[in-house]
PDB file of N, CA and C in Angstrom:
ATOM      1  N   UNK A   1      59.739  37.640   0.835  1.00  0.00           N
ATOM      2  CA  UNK A   1      59.159  36.513  -0.438  1.00  0.00           C
ATOM      3  C   UNK A   1      58.739  35.302   0.777  1.00  0.00           C
ATOM      4  N   UNK A   2      59.419  35.326   1.599  1.00  0.00           N
ATOM      5  CA  UNK A   2      59.395  33.723   2.229  1.00  0.00           C
ATOM      6  C   UNK A   2      57.939  34.239   3.531  1.00  0.00           C
ATOM      7  N   UNK A   3      58.236  35.407   3.824  1.00  0.00           N
ATOM      8  CA  UNK A   3      56.819  35.594   4.677  1.00  0.00           C
ATOM      9  C   UNK A   3      55.562  36.026   3.722  1.00  0.00           C
ATOM     10  N   UNK A   4      55.488  36.186   2.501  1.00  0.00           N
ATOM     11  CA  UNK A   4      54.467  36.292   1.665  1.00  0.00           C
ATOM     12  C   UNK A   4      53.717  34.908   1.047  1.00  0.00           C
ATOM     13  N   UNK A   5      54.624  33.762   1.285  1.00  0.00           N
ATOM     14  CA  UNK A   5      54.553  32.821   0.894  1.00  0.00           C
ATOM     15  C   UNK A   5      53.682  32.009   2.395  1.00  0.00           C
ATOM     16  N   UNK A   6      54.118  32.242   3.055  1.00  0.00           N
ATOM     17  CA  UNK A   6      53.973  31.863   4.365  1.00  0.00           C
ATOM     18  C   UNK A   6      52.584  32.135   4.467  1.00  0.00           C
ATOM     19  N   UNK A   7      52.355  33.341   4.765  1.00  0.00           N
ATOM     20  CA  UNK A   7      51.119  33.927   4.669  1.00  0.00           C
ATOM     21  C   UNK A   7      50.052  33.212   3.821  1.00  0.00           C
ATOM     22  N   UNK A   8      50.542  33.221   2.385  1.00  0.00           N
ATOM     23  CA  UNK A   8      49.676  32.419   1.717  1.00  0.00           C
ATOM     24  C   UNK A   8      49.317  31.285   1.880  1.00  0.00           C
ATOM     25  N   UNK A   9      50.286  30.422   2.366  1.00  0.00           N
ATOM     26  CA  UNK A   9      50.223  28.975   2.355  1.00  0.00           C
ATOM     27  C   UNK A   9      49.267  29.001   3.790  1.00  0.00           C
ATOM     28  N   UNK A  10      49.582  29.804   5.108  1.00  0.00           N
ATOM     29  CA  UNK A  10      48.420  30.032   6.095  1.00  0.00           C
ATOM     30  C   UNK A  10      47.025  30.330   5.638  1.00  0.00           C
ATOM     31  N   UNK A  11      46.691  31.400   4.823  1.00  0.00           N
ATOM     32  CA  UNK A  11      45.474  31.363   4.251  1.00  0.00           C
ATOM     33  C   UNK A  11      44.899  30.416   3.569  1.00  0.00           C
ATOM     34  N   UNK A  12      45.357  29.910   2.587  1.00  0.00           N
ATOM     35  CA  UNK A  12      45.241  28.743   2.150  1.00  0.00           C
ATOM     36  C   UNK A  12      44.536  27.560   2.616  1.00  0.00           C
ATOM     37  N   UNK A  13      45.509  27.176   3.800  1.00  0.00           N
ATOM     38  CA  UNK A  13      45.240  25.913   4.861  1.00  0.00           C
ATOM     39  C   UNK A  13      43.901  26.483   5.452  1.00  0.00           C
ATOM     40  N   UNK A  14      43.823  28.044   5.906  1.00  0.00           N
ATOM     41  CA  UNK A  14      42.494  28.497   6.508  1.00  0.00           C
ATOM     42  C   UNK A  14      41.596  28.127   5.810  1.00  0.00           C
ATOM     43  N   UNK A  15      41.048  28.410   4.476  1.00  0.00           N
ATOM     44  CA  UNK A  15      40.057  28.361   3.477  1.00  0.00           C
ATOM     45  C   UNK A  15      39.863  26.785   3.228  1.00  0.00           C
ATOM     46  N   UNK A  16      41.117  25.927   3.182  1.00  0.00           N
ATOM     47  CA  UNK A  16      40.588  24.564   3.315  1.00  0.00           C
ATOM     48  C   UNK A  16      39.840  23.812   4.668  1.00  0.00           C
ATOM     49  N   UNK A  17      40.541  24.214   5.614  1.00  0.00           N
ATOM     50  CA  UNK A  17      39.556  23.962   6.900  1.00  0.00           C
ATOM     51  C   UNK A  17      38.483  24.402   6.809  1.00  0.00           C
ATOM     52  N   UNK A  18      38.395  25.804   6.545  1.00  0.00           N
ATOM     53  CA  UNK A  18      36.711  26.534   6.307  1.00  0.00           C
ATOM     54  C   UNK A  18      35.987  26.110   5.432  1.00  0.00           C
ATOM     55  N   UNK A  19      36.429  25.434   4.223  1.00  0.00           N
ATOM     56  CA  UNK A  19      35.923  24.671   3.184  1.00  0.00           C
ATOM     57  C   UNK A  19      35.128  23.463   3.722  1.00  0.00           C
ATOM     58  N   UNK A  20      36.142  22.842   4.582  1.00  0.00           N
ATOM     59  CA  UNK A  20      35.638  21.513   5.223  1.00  0.00           C
ATOM     60  C   UNK A  20      34.880  21.328   5.965  1.00  0.00           C
ATOM     61  N   UNK A  21      34.611  22.804   6.732  1.00  0.00           N
ATOM     62  CA  UNK A  21      33.940  22.718   7.809  1.00  0.00           C
ATOM     63  C   UNK A  21      32.258  23.542   7.234  1.00  0.00           C
ATOM     64  N   UNK A  22      32.286  24.130   6.415  1.00  0.00           N
ATOM     65  CA  UNK A  22      31.131  24.422   5.353  1.00  0.00           C
ATOM     66  C   UNK A  22      30.519  22.868   4.776  1.00  0.00           C
ATOM     67  N   UNK A  23      31.293  22.368   4.210  1.00  0.00           N
ATOM     68  CA  UNK A  23      30.888  20.855   3.973  1.00  0.00           C
ATOM     69  C   UNK A  23      30.214  20.286   4.790  1.00  0.00           C
ATOM     70  N   UNK A  24      30.845  19.876   6.036  1.00  0.00           N
ATOM     71  CA  UNK A  24      30.647  18.998   6.797  1.00  0.00           C
ATOM     72  C   UNK A  24      28.773  19.933   7.874  1.00  0.00           C
ATOM     73  N   UNK A  25      28.927  21.028   7.471  1.00  0.00           N
ATOM     74  CA  UNK A  25      27.840  21.683   8.041  1.00  0.00           C
ATOM     75  C   UNK A  25      26.668  21.536   6.898  1.00  0.00           C
ATOM     76  N   UNK A  26      26.790  21.633   5.524  1.00  0.00           N
ATOM     77  CA  UNK A  26      26.157  21.369   4.643  1.00  0.00           C
ATOM     78  C   UNK A  26      25.461  20.014   4.838  1.00  0.00           C
ATOM     79  N   UNK A  27      26.363  19.191   5.176  1.00  0.00           N
ATOM     80  CA  UNK A  27      25.968  18.041   5.080  1.00  0.00           C
ATOM     81  C   UNK A  27      25.060  17.437   6.040  1.00  0.00           C
ATOM     82  N   UNK A  28      25.109  17.820   7.113  1.00  0.00           N
ATOM     83  CA  UNK A  28      24.272  17.608   8.412  1.00  0.00           C
ATOM     84  C   UNK A  28      23.071  18.835   7.943  1.00  0.00           C
ATOM     85  N   UNK A  29      23.120  19.606   7.350  1.00  0.00           N
ATOM     86  CA  UNK A  29      21.406  20.343   7.299  1.00  0.00           C
ATOM     87  C   UNK A  29      20.868  19.696   6.273  1.00  0.00           C
ATOM     88  N   UNK A  30      21.704  19.150   5.097  1.00  0.00           N
ATOM     89  CA  UNK A  30      20.811  18.407   4.611  1.00  0.00           C
ATOM     90  C   UNK A  30      20.393  16.868   5.161  1.00  0.00           C
ATOM     91  N   UNK A  31      21.195  16.154   5.681  1.00  0.00           N
ATOM     92  CA  UNK A  31      20.568  15.337   6.361  1.00  0.00           C
ATOM     93  C   UNK A  31      19.338  15.481   7.121  1.00  0.00           C
ATOM     94  N   UNK A  32      19.297  16.782   8.068  1.00  0.00           N
ATOM     95  CA  UNK A  32      18.441  17.068   8.708  1.00  0.00           C
ATOM     96  C   UNK A  32      17.054  17.507   8.054  1.00  0.00           C
ATOM     97  N   UNK A  33      17.394  18.028   6.731  1.00  0.00           N
ATOM     98  CA  UNK A  33      16.159  18.066   6.147  1.00  0.00           C
ATOM     99  C   UNK A  33      15.196  17.135   5.646  1.00  0.00           C
ATOM    100  N   UNK A  34      16.746  15.725   4.989  1.00  0.00           N
ATOM    101  CA  UNK A  34      15.798  14.920   4.316  1.00  0.00           C
ATOM    102  C   UNK A  34      15.259  13.941   5.496  1.00  0.00           C
ATOM    103  N   UNK A  35      15.653  14.186   6.559  1.00  0.00           N
ATOM    104  CA  UNK A  35      15.029  13.279   7.928  1.00  0.00           C
ATOM    105  C   UNK A  35      13.638  13.762   8.093  1.00  0.00           C
ATOM    106  N   UNK A  36      13.539  15.057   7.821  1.00  0.00           N
ATOM    107  CA  UNK A  36      12.504  15.973   8.288  1.00  0.00           C
ATOM    108  C   UNK A  36      11.328  15.284   7.405  1.00  0.00           C
ATOM    109  N   UNK A  37      11.611  15.261   6.147  1.00  0.00           N
ATOM    110  CA  UNK A  37      11.119  14.892   4.848  1.00  0.00           C
ATOM    111  C   UNK A  37      10.401  13.891   5.092  1.00  0.00           C
ATOM    112  N   UNK A  38      11.516  12.880   5.707  1.00  0.00           N
ATOM    113  CA  UNK A  38      10.981  11.432   5.574  1.00  0.00           C
ATOM    114  C   UNK A  38      10.188  10.928   6.725  1.00  0.00           C
ATOM    115  N   UNK A  39       9.863  12.010   7.649  1.00  0.00           N
ATOM    116  CA  UNK A  39       9.285  11.764   9.123  1.00  0.00           C
ATOM    117  C   UNK A  39       7.876  12.255   8.472  1.00  0.00           C
ATOM    118  N   UNK A  40       7.609  13.365   7.374  1.00  0.00           N
ATOM    119  CA  UNK A  40       6.445  13.310   6.787  1.00  0.00           C
ATOM    120  C   UNK A  40       5.865  12.538   6.126  1.00  0.00           C
ATOM    121  N   UNK A  41       6.671  12.129   5.029  1.00  0.00           N
ATOM    122  CA  UNK A  41       6.307  11.060   4.115  1.00  0.00           C
ATOM    123  C   UNK A  41       5.891   9.714   5.191  1.00  0.00           C
ATOM    124  N   UNK A  42       6.537   9.420   6.222  1.00  0.00           N
ATOM    125  CA  UNK A  42       6.159   8.111   6.919  1.00  0.00           C
ATOM    126  C   UNK A  42       4.872   8.242   7.801  1.00  0.00           C
ATOM    127  N   UNK A  43       4.618   9.766   7.945  1.00  0.00           N
ATOM    128  CA  UNK A  43       3.380   9.915   8.649  1.00  0.00           C
ATOM    129  C   UNK A  43       2.374  10.140   7.668  1.00  0.00           C
ATOM    130  N   UNK A  44       2.356  10.392   6.652  1.00  0.00           N
ATOM    131  CA  UNK A  44       1.462  10.212   5.726  1.00  0.00           C
ATOM    132  C   UNK A  44       1.128   8.813   5.221  1.00  0.00           C
ATOM    133  N   UNK A  45       2.285   8.063   4.990  1.00  0.00           N
ATOM    134  CA  UNK A  45       2.037   6.423   4.790  1.00  0.00           C
ATOM    135  C   UNK A  45       1.151   6.089   5.722  1.00  0.00           C
ATOM    136  N   UNK A  46       1.603   6.196   7.072  1.00  0.00           N
ATOM    137  CA  UNK A  46       0.725   5.436   8.226  1.00  0.00           C
ATOM    138  C   UNK A  46      -0.489   6.088   8.403  1.00  0.00           C
ATOM    139  N   UNK A  47      -1.142   7.440   7.547  1.00  0.00           N
ATOM    140  CA  UNK A  47      -2.481   7.711   8.035  1.00  0.00           C
ATOM    141  C   UNK A  47      -2.910   6.820   6.740  1.00  0.00           C
ATOM    142  N   UNK A  48      -2.367   7.181   5.356  1.00  0.00           N
ATOM    143  CA  UNK A  48      -2.889   6.578   4.188  1.00  0.00           C
ATOM    144  C   UNK A  48      -3.130   4.661   4.340  1.00  0.00           C
ATOM    145  N   UNK A  49      -2.343   4.040   5.137  1.00  0.00           N
ATOM    146  CA  UNK A  49      -2.552   2.815   5.284  1.00  0.00           C
ATOM    147  C   UNK A  49      -3.964   2.387   5.825  1.00  0.00           C
ATOM    148  N   UNK A  50      -4.238   2.456   6.577  1.00  0.00           N
ATOM    149  CA  UNK A  50      -5.858   2.471   7.396  1.00  0.00           C
ATOM    150  C   UNK A  50      -6.825   2.295   6.258  1.00  0.00           C
ATOM    151  N   UNK A  51      -6.391   3.805   5.482  1.00  0.00           N
ATOM    152  CA  UNK A  51      -7.707   3.881   4.104  1.00  0.00           C
ATOM    153  C   UNK A  51      -7.288   3.010   3.011  1.00  0.00           C
ATOM    154  N   UNK A  52      -6.120   2.169   2.408  1.00  0.00           N
ATOM    155  CA  UNK A  52      -5.865   1.263   1.875  1.00  0.00           C
ATOM    156  C   UNK A  52      -6.229  -0.060   2.055  1.00  0.00           C
ATOM    157  N   UNK A  53      -6.160  -0.309   3.009  1.00  0.00           N
ATOM    158  CA  UNK A  53      -6.376  -1.406   3.837  1.00  0.00           C
ATOM    159  C   UNK A  53      -7.955  -1.621   3.600  1.00  0.00           C
ATOM    160  N   UNK A  54      -8.612  -0.695   4.114  1.00  0.00           N
ATOM    161  CA  UNK A  54     -10.329  -0.434   4.435  1.00  0.00           C
ATOM    162  C   UNK A  54     -10.584  -0.545   3.111  1.00  0.00           C
ATOM    163  N   UNK A  55      -9.881   0.040   1.935  1.00  0.00           N
ATOM    164  CA  UNK A  55     -10.424  -0.223   0.491  1.00  0.00           C
ATOM    165  C   UNK A  55     -10.298  -1.480  -0.165  1.00  0.00           C
ATOM    166  N   UNK A  56      -9.162  -1.985   0.252  1.00  0.00           N
ATOM    167  CA  UNK A  56      -8.684  -3.816  -0.233  1.00  0.00           C
ATOM    168  C   UNK A  56      -9.794  -4.667   0.270  1.00  0.00           C
ATOM    169  N   UNK A  57     -10.022  -4.472   1.696  1.00  0.00           N
ATOM    170  CA  UNK A  57     -11.469  -4.930   1.986  1.00  0.00           C
ATOM    171  C   UNK A  57     -12.588  -4.991   1.582  1.00  0.00           C
ATOM    172  N   UNK A  58     -12.826  -3.539   1.282  1.00  0.00           N
ATOM    173  CA  UNK A  58     -14.126  -3.638   0.432  1.00  0.00           C
ATOM    174  C   UNK A  58     -14.204  -4.411  -1.207  1.00  0.00           C
ATOM    175  N   UNK A  59     -12.907  -4.185  -1.308  1.00  0.00           N
ATOM    176  CA  UNK A  59     -12.683  -5.119  -2.771  1.00  0.00           C
ATOM    177  C   UNK A  59     -13.192  -6.351  -2.837  1.00  0.00           C
ATOM    178  N   UNK A  60     -12.397  -6.815  -1.622  1.00  0.00           N
ATOM    179  CA  UNK A  60     -13.005  -8.336  -1.434  1.00  0.00           C
ATOM    180  C   UNK A  60     -14.279  -8.629  -1.068  1.00  0.00           C
ATOM    181  N   UNK A  61     -14.921  -8.020  -0.441  1.00  0.00           N
ATOM    182  CA  UNK A  61     -16.267  -7.856  -0.261  1.00  0.00           C
ATOM    183  C   UNK A  61     -17.053  -7.926  -1.549  1.00  0.00           C
ATOM    184  N   UNK A  62     -16.538  -6.995  -2.520  1.00  0.00           N
ATOM    185  CA  UNK A  62     -17.461  -6.582  -3.668  1.00  0.00           C
ATOM    186  C   UNK A  62     -16.893  -8.081  -4.591  1.00  0.00           C
ATOM    187  N   UNK A  63     -15.762  -8.550  -4.845  1.00  0.00           N
ATOM    188  CA  UNK A  63     -15.827  -9.677  -5.392  1.00  0.00           C
ATOM    189  C   UNK A  63     -16.563 -11.042  -4.458  1.00  0.00           C
ATOM    190  N   UNK A  64     -16.642 -11.306  -3.585  1.00  0.00           N
ATOM    191  CA  UNK A  64     -17.697 -12.044  -3.071  1.00  0.00           C
ATOM    192  C   UNK A  64     -19.287 -11.556  -3.037  1.00  0.00           C
ATOM    193  N   UNK A  65     -19.092 -10.707  -3.485  1.00  0.00           N
ATOM    194  CA  UNK A  65     -20.587 -10.063  -3.579  1.00  0.00           C
ATOM    195  C   UNK A  65     -20.922 -10.588  -5.052  1.00  0.00           C
ATOM    196  N   UNK A  66     -20.058 -10.215  -6.132  1.00  0.00           N
ATOM    197  CA  UNK A  66     -20.264 -10.576  -7.359  1.00  0.00           C
ATOM    198  C   UNK A  66     -20.399 -11.996  -7.671  1.00  0.00           C
ATOM    199  N   UNK A  67     -19.563 -12.796  -6.793  1.00  0.00           N
ATOM    200  CA  UNK A  67     -19.930 -14.188  -6.988  1.00  0.00           C
ATOM    201  C   UNK A  67     -21.148 -14.791  -6.513  1.00  0.00           C
ATOM    202  N   UNK A  68     -21.605 -14.362  -5.720  1.00  0.00           N
ATOM    203  CA  UNK A  68     -23.139 -14.589  -5.221  1.00  0.00           C
ATOM    204  C   UNK A  68     -24.038 -13.859  -6.109  1.00  0.00           C
ATOM    205  N   UNK A  69     -23.871 -12.833  -6.715  1.00  0.00           N
ATOM    206  CA  UNK A  69     -24.765 -12.057  -7.720  1.00  0.00           C
ATOM    207  C   UNK A  69     -24.812 -13.184  -8.986  1.00  0.00           C
ATOM    208  N   UNK A  70     -23.542 -13.771  -9.518  1.00  0.00           N
ATOM    209  CA  UNK A  70     -23.541 -14.478 -10.563  1.00  0.00           C
ATOM    210  C   UNK A  70     -24.233 -15.800 -10.316  1.00  0.00           C
ATOM    211  N   UNK A  71     -24.045 -16.096  -9.163  1.00  0.00           N
ATOM    212  CA  UNK A  71     -24.808 -17.700  -8.574  1.00  0.00           C
ATOM    213  C   UNK A  71     -26.363 -17.491  -8.900  1.00  0.00           C
ATOM    214  N   UNK A  72     -26.565 -16.374  -8.232  1.00  0.00           N
ATOM    215  CA  UNK A  72     -28.178 -15.854  -8.178  1.00  0.00           C
ATOM    216  C   UNK A  72     -28.880 -15.716  -9.356  1.00  0.00           C
ATOM    217  N   UNK A  73     -28.110 -15.361 -10.245  1.00  0.00           N
ATOM    218  CA  UNK A  73     -28.105 -14.947 -11.956  1.00  0.00           C
ATOM    219  C   UNK A  73     -28.387 -16.214 -12.399  1.00  0.00           C
ATOM    220  N   UNK A  74     -27.546 -17.109 -12.961  1.00  0.00           N
ATOM    221  CA  UNK A  74     -27.461 -18.503 -12.830  1.00  0.00           C
ATOM    222  C   UNK A  74     -28.606 -19.358 -12.261  1.00  0.00           C
ATOM    223  N   UNK A  75     -28.879 -19.096 -11.136  1.00  0.00           N
ATOM    224  CA  UNK A  75     -30.171 -20.000 -10.634  1.00  0.00           C
ATOM    225  C   UNK A  75     -31.539 -19.569 -11.198  1.00  0.00           C
ATOM    226  N   UNK A  76     -31.334 -18.000 -11.335  1.00  0.00           N
ATOM    227  CA  UNK A  76     -32.590 -17.426 -11.628  1.00  0.00           C
ATOM    228  C   UNK A  76     -32.685 -17.190 -13.470  1.00  0.00           C
ATOM    229  N   UNK A  77     -31.910 -17.891 -13.961  1.00  0.00           N
ATOM    230  CA  UNK A  77     -31.709 -17.570 -15.511  1.00  0.00           C
ATOM    231  C   UNK A  77     -33.303 -18.227 -16.118  1.00  0.00           C
ATOM    232  N   UNK A  78     -33.552 -19.265 -15.563  1.00  0.00           N
ATOM    233  CA  UNK A  78     -35.012 -19.677 -16.227  1.00  0.00           C
ATOM    234  C   UNK A  78     -35.814 -19.908 -15.056  1.00  0.00           C
ATOM    235  N   UNK A  79     -36.904 -19.149 -15.130  1.00  0.00           N
ATOM    236  CA  UNK A  79     -37.853 -19.152 -13.605  1.00  0.00           C
ATOM    237  C   UNK A  79     -38.634 -20.541 -14.014  1.00  0.00           C
ATOM    238  N   UNK A  80     -38.780 -20.930 -15.001  1.00  0.00           N
ATOM    239  CA  UNK A  80     -39.690 -22.276 -15.519  1.00  0.00           C
ATOM    240  C   UNK A  80     -39.034 -23.448 -15.114  1.00  0.00           C
ATOM    241  N   UNK A  81     -37.752 -23.423 -14.771  1.00  0.00           N
ATOM    242  CA  UNK A  81     -36.961 -24.582 -14.717  1.00  0.00           C
ATOM    243  C   UNK A  81     -36.510 -24.506 -13.361  1.00  0.00           C
ATOM    244  N   UNK A  82     -36.623 -25.815 -12.637  1.00  0.00           N
ATOM    245  CA  UNK A  82     -36.440 -25.833 -11.341  1.00  0.00           C
ATOM    246  C   UNK A  82     -34.541 -26.148 -11.178  1.00  0.00           C
ATOM    247  N   UNK A  83     -33.922 -25.570 -10.120  1.00  0.00           N
ATOM    248  CA  UNK A  83     -32.366 -26.115 -10.307  1.00  0.00           C
ATOM    249  C   UNK A  83     -32.241 -27.681 -10.100  1.00  0.00           C
ATOM    250  N   UNK A  84     -31.104 -28.028 -10.202  1.00  0.00           N
ATOM    251  CA  UNK A  84     -30.815 -29.241 -10.230  1.00  0.00           C
ATOM    252  C   UNK A  84     -30.937 -29.455  -8.590  1.00  0.00           C
ATOM    253  N   UNK A  85     -30.553 -28.922  -7.782  1.00  0.00           N
ATOM    254  CA  UNK A  85     -30.787 -29.489  -6.326  1.00  0.00           C
ATOM    255  C   UNK A  85     -32.201 -29.606  -6.173  1.00  0.00           C
ATOM    256  N   UNK A  86     -33.372 -28.901  -6.379  1.00  0.00           N
ATOM    257  CA  UNK A  86     -34.607 -28.783  -6.343  1.00  0.00           C
ATOM    258  C   UNK A  86     -35.079 -30.290  -6.928  1.00  0.00           C
ATOM    259  N   UNK A  87     -34.788 -30.422  -8.152  1.00  0.00           N
ATOM    260  CA  UNK A  87     -34.985 -31.824  -8.761  1.00  0.00           C
ATOM    261  C   UNK A  87     -34.319 -33.460  -7.950  1.00  0.00           C
ATOM    262  N   UNK A  88     -33.194 -33.020  -7.844  1.00  0.00           N
ATOM    263  CA  UNK A  88     -32.711 -34.031  -6.768  1.00  0.00           C
ATOM    264  C   UNK A  88     -33.291 -34.465  -5.433  1.00  0.00           C
ATOM    265  N   UNK A  89     -33.756 -33.208  -4.974  1.00  0.00           N
ATOM    266  CA  UNK A  89     -35.112 -33.262  -3.658  1.00  0.00           C
ATOM    267  C   UNK A  89     -35.785 -34.317  -4.082  1.00  0.00           C
ATOM    268  N   UNK A  90     -36.451 -33.484  -5.268  1.00  0.00           N
ATOM    269  CA  UNK A  90     -37.986 -34.288  -5.818  1.00  0.00           C
ATOM    270  C   UNK A  90     -37.682 -35.987  -6.389  1.00  0.00           C
ATOM    271  N   UNK A  91     -36.299 -35.958  -6.695  1.00  0.00           N
ATOM    272  CA  UNK A  91     -36.376 -37.598  -6.625  1.00  0.00           C
ATOM    273  C   UNK A  91     -35.874 -38.218  -5.496  1.00  0.00           C
ATOM    274  N   UNK A  92     -35.313 -37.854  -4.775  1.00  0.00           N
ATOM    275  CA  UNK A  92     -35.141 -38.658  -3.458  1.00  0.00           C
ATOM    276  C   UNK A  92     -36.366 -38.839  -2.486  1.00  0.00           C
ATOM    277  N   UNK A  93     -37.265 -37.801  -2.634  1.00  0.00           N
ATOM    278  CA  UNK A  93     -38.567 -37.891  -1.836  1.00  0.00           C
ATOM    279  C   UNK A  93     -39.237 -39.156  -3.029  1.00  0.00           C
ATOM    280  N   UNK A  94     -39.151 -38.969  -4.072  1.00  0.00           N
ATOM    281  CA  UNK A  94     -39.605 -40.050  -4.984  1.00  0.00           C
ATOM    282  C   UNK A  94     -39.465 -41.626  -4.960  1.00  0.00           C
ATOM    283  N   UNK A  95     -38.216 -41.780  -4.550  1.00  0.00           N
ATOM    284  CA  UNK A  95     -37.393 -43.010  -4.333  1.00  0.00           C
ATOM    285  C   UNK A  95     -37.691 -43.413  -3.021  1.00  0.00           C
ATOM    286  N   UNK A  96     -37.889 -42.500  -2.082  1.00  0.00           N
ATOM    287  CA  UNK A  96     -38.177 -42.644  -0.530  1.00  0.00           C
ATOM    288  C   UNK A  96     -39.837 -43.782  -0.173  1.00  0.00           C
ATOM    289  N   UNK A  97     -39.987 -43.826   0.815  1.00  0.00           N
ATOM    290  CA  UNK A  97     -40.996 -44.331   1.093  1.00  0.00           C
ATOM    291  C   UNK A  97     -42.424 -42.844   1.587  1.00  0.00           C
ATOM    292  N   UNK A  98     -41.723 -41.977   1.378  1.00  0.00           N
ATOM    293  CA  UNK A  98     -42.324 -40.645   1.834  1.00  0.00           C
ATOM    294  C   UNK A  98     -43.426 -40.826   1.070  1.00  0.00           C
ATOM    295  N   UNK A  99     -44.791 -40.504   1.766  1.00  0.00           N
ATOM    296  CA  UNK A  99     -45.927 -40.190   0.715  1.00  0.00           C
ATOM    297  C   UNK A  99     -46.538 -39.055   0.983  1.00  0.00           C
ATOM    298  N   UNK A 100     -47.005 -38.466   0.127  1.00  0.00           N
ATOM    299  CA  UNK A 100     -47.405 -37.059   0.323  1.00  0.00           C
ATOM    300  C   UNK A 100     -49.136 -37.485   1.074  1.00  0.00           C
TER     301      UNK A 100
END
């Protein structure tokens, strides 16, 4: 009976050791898989970043163009009326000694 108990304890200890080794092996395998996946993700982001930077730059240009377009629209809204800057030039010339 003691011999059987000793064999059982030995077998149980062997199972526990093997289980611990299996867990450690599984942990390393999962870590390797996650690191590989992270490498792919980082590569994807490094390739995507220049595209997004370019898109952001283009959006900045669009905003700039929108401002210019709004200014042009405001300046050309009334074709028969001079813009304030032109009116000021006329007033400045009129007030000076400049003659036509």
